[in-house]
Each structure stands twice: as structure tokens, then as C-alpha cells.
Amino acid sequence: MNLEQLWLIGGAALALFWMLGAHNRLVALRNAIMAAWAQVDEPLQRRSAAVGALAAGLREPLRDEQGALEAVMTAQAQLQAAMAAMRERPAQAPRAAALTAAEATLAPALSRLLALLEQHPALAASEALAPQLAALQDATQRLGFARQLFNDAVAAYNQAAQQFPTRLLSRLFGFGVAGGL
């Protein structure tokens, strides 16, 4: 074997090891997104449970406001579907966009429901609804921190996938752009 062949084999081995390292880095960053999604999913589930219990508890006292309750439940159902899709593949941008859209639909409906509760302070302070309101508030606060952790993981992944020359490999191995919340 001559010197030229050794250089060629060495260069090929170096390129192969670089490709393996870049691939493993992207996989690790994608796994970090999945771990961060688990931190988002838990408060979303808690909030969903609190919203469902709150809406069920308000059906009778707020009979005149069934439209507001239905809007919350419809938006909650959309959010549940988006959450299920995100559980399968949290690193895909279209799924994150669908979740963000579902959250945007739920926010005004939930705000309206909470405004109705402010008009009925006795209902909000009742033994049946006060724990649900506390759980809703707690889950909403936790969700903000978890969402920031998720977005940080997405940003790290997207930055690594877009850097040259890793960008060439991300296309080759099918690492797409991840979407934030």
C-alpha cells in the first residue's frame, strides 16, 4: 500500500467518524426535545383534567352560559388531539404548530370561562371548584417553565442541524426542523 492510498483511507475514516459523531449529536439533541416534551405534556394533562372537571362542575350553575362551556370543551378536545400527535413525534414542526394553534383556540375560551367565574365569586370559592381552579393555575404556571425548556431544546437542535457541514447530513439522515411552542 502506498502513501496515497493510506491518506485516502485515513481521510475516508475521518469523514466516517465525523458523520457518526454528527449523527449521534443530532440524535442526542432530538432525544432532549423528547425529554423536554415530557415536561410539557405533564402540566398540559393536569390542566386538561382541571378544565374538564371545572366545565363539568359549572354545567348546572351556569346553565345560561352553555355556549362558553361548549367552546372550552371543543377547544380542549382539539388540544387533546394535538397533544396526542405531539406524543408520537415531538420534534416535528407541523405537530408543534398544530399544538400552538390549539392552545391559541383554548386561551380565549378559557379566559371567558374564568371571567364568568369572577362574576360569581361564590362559585369560585365553592369546595367543588376551588381545587380545580388551584390545579388549573398551578398547571398553567408549570406549563410556562416547561414550554421554555422545550423551546430551548428545540433551538439547540435546530441550530445544530443548520450548521454547516452538519446541515448536509441532516438532510441525508432525515433530520428535519423542529418547531417550538
C-alpha atoms as a PDB file:
ATOM      1  CA  MET A   1       0.000   0.000   0.000  1.00  0.00           C
ATOM      2  CA  ASN A   2       1.447   3.320  -0.963  1.00  0.00           C
ATOM      3  CA  LEU A   3       1.266   6.623   0.879  1.00  0.00           C
ATOM      4  CA  GLU A   4      -1.517   7.998  -1.321  1.00  0.00           C
ATOM      5  CA  GLN A   5      -3.783   5.055  -0.531  1.00  0.00           C
ATOM      6  CA  LEU A   6      -3.101   5.424   3.188  1.00  0.00           C
ATOM      7  CA  TRP A   7      -4.045   9.105   3.039  1.00  0.00           C
ATOM      8  CA  LEU A   8      -7.214   8.209   1.168  1.00  0.00           C
ATOM      9  CA  ILE A   9      -8.167   5.536   3.700  1.00  0.00           C
ATOM     10  CA  GLY A  10      -7.361   7.886   6.583  1.00  0.00           C
ATOM     11  CA  GLY A  11      -9.485  10.653   5.046  1.00  0.00           C
ATOM     12  CA  ALA A  12     -12.390   8.285   4.482  1.00  0.00           C
ATOM     13  CA  ALA A  13     -12.136   7.015   8.064  1.00  0.00           C
ATOM     14  CA  LEU A  14     -12.040  10.578   9.357  1.00  0.00           C
ATOM     15  CA  ALA A  15     -15.124  11.508   7.290  1.00  0.00           C
ATOM     16  CA  LEU A  16     -16.936   8.388   8.518  1.00  0.00           C
ATOM     17  CA  PHE A  17     -16.186   9.132  12.165  1.00  0.00           C
ATOM     18  CA  TRP A  18     -17.258  12.740  11.713  1.00  0.00           C
ATOM     19  CA  MET A  19     -20.540  11.573  10.153  1.00  0.00           C
ATOM     20  CA  LEU A  20     -21.152   9.195  13.050  1.00  0.00           C
ATOM     21  CA  GLY A  21     -20.387  11.922  15.579  1.00  0.00           C
ATOM     22  CA  ALA A  22     -22.659  14.440  13.858  1.00  0.00           C
ATOM     23  CA  HIS A  23     -25.456  11.872  13.596  1.00  0.00           C
ATOM     24  CA  ASN A  24     -25.135  10.957  17.275  1.00  0.00           C
ATOM     25  CA  ARG A  25     -25.157  14.631  18.256  1.00  0.00           C
ATOM     26  CA  LEU A  26     -28.385  15.241  16.332  1.00  0.00           C
ATOM     27  CA  VAL A  27     -29.953  12.131  17.841  1.00  0.00           C
ATOM     28  CA  ALA A  28     -28.997  13.270  21.335  1.00  0.00           C
ATOM     29  CA  LEU A  29     -30.466  16.715  20.707  1.00  0.00           C
ATOM     30  CA  ARG A  30     -33.656  15.180  19.308  1.00  0.00           C
ATOM     31  CA  ASN A  31     -33.874  12.987  22.413  1.00  0.00           C
ATOM     32  CA  ALA A  32     -33.517  16.133  24.527  1.00  0.00           C
ATOM     33  CA  ILE A  33     -36.561  17.516  22.712  1.00  0.00           C
ATOM     34  CA  MET A  34     -38.477  14.358  23.579  1.00  0.00           C
ATOM     35  CA  ALA A  35     -37.461  14.635  27.228  1.00  0.00           C
ATOM     36  CA  ALA A  36     -38.467  18.294  27.264  1.00  0.00           C
ATOM     37  CA  TRP A  37     -41.812  17.359  25.701  1.00  0.00           C
ATOM     38  CA  ALA A  38     -42.466  15.042  28.641  1.00  0.00           C
ATOM     39  CA  GLN A  39     -42.037  18.083  30.891  1.00  0.00           C
ATOM     40  CA  VAL A  40     -44.622  19.980  28.799  1.00  0.00           C
ATOM     41  CA  ASP A  41     -47.028  17.067  28.496  1.00  0.00           C
ATOM     42  CA  GLU A  42     -47.474  16.601  32.241  1.00  0.00           C
ATOM     43  CA  PRO A  43     -48.810  20.111  33.023  1.00  0.00           C
ATOM     44  CA  LEU A  44     -50.883  20.014  29.835  1.00  0.00           C
ATOM     45  CA  GLN A  45     -52.550  16.831  31.066  1.00  0.00           C
ATOM     46  CA  ARG A  46     -53.087  18.327  34.518  1.00  0.00           C
ATOM     47  CA  ARG A  47     -54.570  21.450  33.008  1.00  0.00           C
ATOM     48  CA  SER A  48     -56.817  19.361  30.764  1.00  0.00           C
ATOM     49  CA  ALA A  49     -58.094  17.399  33.736  1.00  0.00           C
ATOM     50  CA  ALA A  50     -58.731  20.602  35.694  1.00  0.00           C
ATOM     51  CA  VAL A  51     -60.527  22.239  32.753  1.00  0.00           C
ATOM     52  CA  GLY A  52     -62.701  19.164  32.225  1.00  0.00           C
ATOM     53  CA  ALA A  53     -63.637  18.965  35.901  1.00  0.00           C
ATOM     54  CA  LEU A  54     -64.232  22.708  36.047  1.00  0.00           C
ATOM     55  CA  ALA A  55     -66.501  22.660  32.994  1.00  0.00           C
ATOM     56  CA  ALA A  56     -68.412  19.677  34.368  1.00  0.00           C
ATOM     57  CA  GLY A  57     -68.855  21.414  37.711  1.00  0.00           C
ATOM     58  CA  LEU A  58     -70.154  24.570  36.038  1.00  0.00           C
ATOM     59  CA  ARG A  59     -72.724  22.952  33.735  1.00  0.00           C
ATOM     60  CA  GLU A  60     -75.521  23.230  36.263  1.00  0.00           C
ATOM     61  CA  PRO A  61     -74.734  26.572  37.957  1.00  0.00           C
ATOM     62  CA  LEU A  62     -74.053  28.321  34.634  1.00  0.00           C
ATOM     63  CA  ARG A  63     -76.911  26.914  32.586  1.00  0.00           C
ATOM     64  CA  ASP A  64     -77.266  30.249  30.779  1.00  0.00           C
ATOM     65  CA  GLU A  65     -73.633  30.126  29.636  1.00  0.00           C
ATOM     66  CA  GLN A  66     -73.563  26.739  27.930  1.00  0.00           C
ATOM     67  CA  GLY A  67     -72.001  28.338  24.841  1.00  0.00           C
ATOM     68  CA  ALA A  68     -68.929  29.322  26.828  1.00  0.00           C
ATOM     69  CA  LEU A  69     -68.661  25.847  28.338  1.00  0.00           C
ATOM     70  CA  GLU A  70     -69.038  24.195  24.936  1.00  0.00           C
ATOM     71  CA  ALA A  71     -66.380  26.473  23.469  1.00  0.00           C
ATOM     72  CA  VAL A  72     -63.968  25.442  26.214  1.00  0.00           C
ATOM     73  CA  MET A  73     -64.712  21.751  25.762  1.00  0.00           C
ATOM     74  CA  THR A  74     -64.377  21.947  21.964  1.00  0.00           C
ATOM     75  CA  ALA A  75     -61.064  23.769  22.234  1.00  0.00           C
ATOM     76  CA  GLN A  76     -59.936  21.272  24.862  1.00  0.00           C
ATOM     77  CA  ALA A  77     -60.761  18.380  22.538  1.00  0.00           C
ATOM     78  CA  GLN A  78     -58.659  19.995  19.785  1.00  0.00           C
ATOM     79  CA  LEU A  79     -55.821  20.421  22.232  1.00  0.00           C
ATOM     80  CA  GLN A  80     -56.062  16.771  23.303  1.00  0.00           C
ATOM     81  CA  ALA A  81     -55.778  15.670  19.663  1.00  0.00           C
ATOM     82  CA  ALA A  82     -52.746  17.909  19.129  1.00  0.00           C
ATOM     83  CA  MET A  83     -51.152  16.593  22.330  1.00  0.00           C
ATOM     84  CA  ALA A  84     -51.624  13.004  21.144  1.00  0.00           C
ATOM     85  CA  ALA A  85     -49.903  13.845  17.861  1.00  0.00           C
ATOM     86  CA  MET A  86     -47.024  15.527  19.687  1.00  0.00           C
ATOM     87  CA  ARG A  87     -46.519  12.477  21.918  1.00  0.00           C
ATOM     88  CA  GLU A  88     -45.736  10.423  18.832  1.00  0.00           C
ATOM     89  CA  ARG A  89     -43.143  12.792  17.370  1.00  0.00           C
ATOM     90  CA  PRO A  90     -42.470  15.949  19.380  1.00  0.00           C
ATOM     91  CA  ALA A  91     -39.589  17.037  17.148  1.00  0.00           C
ATOM     92  CA  GLN A  92     -41.758  17.755  14.102  1.00  0.00           C
ATOM     93  CA  ALA A  93     -42.584  21.379  13.360  1.00  0.00           C
ATOM     94  CA  PRO A  94     -46.099  20.813  11.914  1.00  0.00           C
ATOM     95  CA  ARG A  95     -47.195  18.985  15.059  1.00  0.00           C
ATOM     96  CA  ALA A  96     -45.845  21.759  17.260  1.00  0.00           C
ATOM     97  CA  ALA A  97     -47.658  24.306  15.085  1.00  0.00           C
ATOM     98  CA  ALA A  98     -50.913  22.352  15.484  1.00  0.00           C
ATOM     99  CA  LEU A  99     -50.454  22.312  19.257  1.00  0.00           C
ATOM    100  CA  THR A 100     -49.764  26.041  19.300  1.00  0.00           C
ATOM    101  CA  ALA A 101     -52.902  26.672  17.232  1.00  0.00           C
ATOM    102  CA  ALA A 102     -54.971  24.518  19.588  1.00  0.00           C
ATOM    103  CA  GLU A 103     -53.573  26.433  22.568  1.00  0.00           C
ATOM    104  CA  ALA A 104     -54.475  29.694  20.827  1.00  0.00           C
ATOM    105  CA  THR A 105     -58.047  28.439  20.420  1.00  0.00           C
ATOM    106  CA  LEU A 106     -58.315  27.371  24.052  1.00  0.00           C
ATOM    107  CA  ALA A 107     -56.910  30.575  25.568  1.00  0.00           C
ATOM    108  CA  PRO A 108     -59.820  32.949  24.787  1.00  0.00           C
ATOM    109  CA  ALA A 109     -62.453  30.329  25.602  1.00  0.00           C
ATOM    110  CA  LEU A 110     -60.804  29.627  28.936  1.00  0.00           C
ATOM    111  CA  SER A 111     -60.426  33.347  29.627  1.00  0.00           C
ATOM    112  CA  ARG A 112     -64.140  33.805  29.049  1.00  0.00           C
ATOM    113  CA  LEU A 113     -64.936  30.962  31.425  1.00  0.00           C
ATOM    114  CA  LEU A 114     -62.662  32.409  34.110  1.00  0.00           C
ATOM    115  CA  ALA A 115     -64.275  35.830  33.615  1.00  0.00           C
ATOM    116  CA  LEU A 116     -67.655  34.209  34.210  1.00  0.00           C
ATOM    117  CA  LEU A 117     -66.313  32.713  37.407  1.00  0.00           C
ATOM    118  CA  GLU A 118     -65.122  36.132  38.543  1.00  0.00           C
ATOM    119  CA  GLN A 119     -68.701  37.332  38.178  1.00  0.00           C
ATOM    120  CA  HIS A 120     -69.797  34.503  40.501  1.00  0.00           C
ATOM    121  CA  PRO A 121     -67.287  34.561  43.387  1.00  0.00           C
ATOM    122  CA  ALA A 122     -69.361  32.129  45.439  1.00  0.00           C
ATOM    123  CA  LEU A 123     -68.938  29.507  42.706  1.00  0.00           C
ATOM    124  CA  ALA A 124     -65.184  30.031  42.506  1.00  0.00           C
ATOM    125  CA  ALA A 125     -64.855  29.634  46.273  1.00  0.00           C
ATOM    126  CA  SER A 126     -67.045  26.527  46.477  1.00  0.00           C
ATOM    127  CA  GLU A 127     -65.496  23.312  47.757  1.00  0.00           C
ATOM    128  CA  ALA A 128     -66.113  21.557  44.460  1.00  0.00           C
ATOM    129  CA  LEU A 129     -64.499  24.157  42.192  1.00  0.00           C
ATOM    130  CA  ALA A 130     -61.755  25.784  44.285  1.00  0.00           C
ATOM    131  CA  PRO A 131     -59.380  22.786  43.997  1.00  0.00           C
ATOM    132  CA  GLN A 132     -59.936  22.673  40.234  1.00  0.00           C
ATOM    133  CA  LEU A 133     -59.135  26.369  39.917  1.00  0.00           C
ATOM    134  CA  ALA A 134     -55.993  25.912  42.007  1.00  0.00           C
ATOM    135  CA  ALA A 135     -54.934  22.946  39.867  1.00  0.00           C
ATOM    136  CA  LEU A 136     -55.580  24.976  36.718  1.00  0.00           C
ATOM    137  CA  GLN A 137     -53.499  27.865  37.997  1.00  0.00           C
ATOM    138  CA  ASP A 138     -50.659  25.566  39.113  1.00  0.00           C
ATOM    139  CA  ALA A 139     -50.604  23.695  35.803  1.00  0.00           C
ATOM    140  CA  THR A 140     -50.582  26.952  33.857  1.00  0.00           C
ATOM    141  CA  GLN A 141     -47.579  28.210  35.810  1.00  0.00           C
ATOM    142  CA  ARG A 142     -45.691  24.942  35.377  1.00  0.00           C
ATOM    143  CA  LEU A 143     -46.523  24.933  31.700  1.00  0.00           C
ATOM    144  CA  GLY A 144     -44.729  28.223  31.164  1.00  0.00           C
ATOM    145  CA  PHE A 145     -41.470  26.888  32.587  1.00  0.00           C
ATOM    146  CA  ALA A 146     -41.789  23.574  30.750  1.00  0.00           C
ATOM    147  CA  ARG A 147     -42.525  25.343  27.473  1.00  0.00           C
ATOM    148  CA  GLN A 148     -39.346  27.410  27.869  1.00  0.00           C
ATOM    149  CA  LEU A 149     -37.318  24.232  28.466  1.00  0.00           C
ATOM    150  CA  PHE A 150     -38.856  22.674  25.342  1.00  0.00           C
ATOM    151  CA  ASN A 151     -38.160  25.753  23.229  1.00  0.00           C
ATOM    152  CA  ASP A 152     -34.541  25.803  24.425  1.00  0.00           C
ATOM    153  CA  ALA A 153     -34.124  22.150  23.399  1.00  0.00           C
ATOM    154  CA  VAL A 154     -35.700  22.879  20.013  1.00  0.00           C
ATOM    155  CA  ALA A 155     -33.414  25.868  19.468  1.00  0.00           C
ATOM    156  CA  ALA A 156     -30.300  23.802  20.282  1.00  0.00           C
ATOM    157  CA  TYR A 157     -31.405  21.044  17.901  1.00  0.00           C
ATOM    158  CA  ASN A 158     -32.291  23.430  15.065  1.00  0.00           C
ATOM    159  CA  GLN A 159     -29.032  25.314  15.472  1.00  0.00           C
ATOM    160  CA  ALA A 160     -27.009  22.094  15.303  1.00  0.00           C
ATOM    161  CA  ALA A 161     -28.984  20.800  12.323  1.00  0.00           C
ATOM    162  CA  GLN A 162     -28.491  24.045  10.383  1.00  0.00           C
ATOM    163  CA  GLN A 163     -24.758  24.448  10.936  1.00  0.00           C
ATOM    164  CA  PHE A 164     -22.518  23.613   8.029  1.00  0.00           C
ATOM    165  CA  PRO A 165     -21.440  20.849   7.331  1.00  0.00           C
ATOM    166  CA  THR A 166     -23.909  19.064   9.627  1.00  0.00           C
ATOM    167  CA  ARG A 167     -26.691  20.571   7.518  1.00  0.00           C
ATOM    168  CA  LEU A 168     -25.661  18.242   4.697  1.00  0.00           C
ATOM    169  CA  LEU A 169     -26.048  15.233   6.974  1.00  0.00           C
ATOM    170  CA  SER A 170     -29.330  16.387   8.473  1.00  0.00           C
ATOM    171  CA  ARG A 171     -30.879  16.192   5.022  1.00  0.00           C
ATOM    172  CA  LEU A 172     -29.211  12.864   4.298  1.00  0.00           C
ATOM    173  CA  PHE A 173     -30.438  11.252   7.535  1.00  0.00           C
ATOM    174  CA  GLY A 174     -33.858  12.920   7.551  1.00  0.00           C
ATOM    175  CA  PHE A 175     -33.414  15.295  10.481  1.00  0.00           C
ATOM    176  CA  GLY A 176     -35.973  17.991   9.829  1.00  0.00           C
ATOM    177  CA  VAL A 177     -36.524  21.313  11.509  1.00  0.00           C
ATOM    178  CA  ALA A 178     -38.229  21.082  14.903  1.00  0.00           C
ATOM    179  CA  GLY A 179     -40.964  23.511  15.902  1.00  0.00           C
ATOM    180  CA  GLY A 180     -41.209  25.434  19.119  1.00  0.00           C
ATOM    181  CA  LEU A 181     -44.239  26.134  21.257  1.00  0.00           C
END
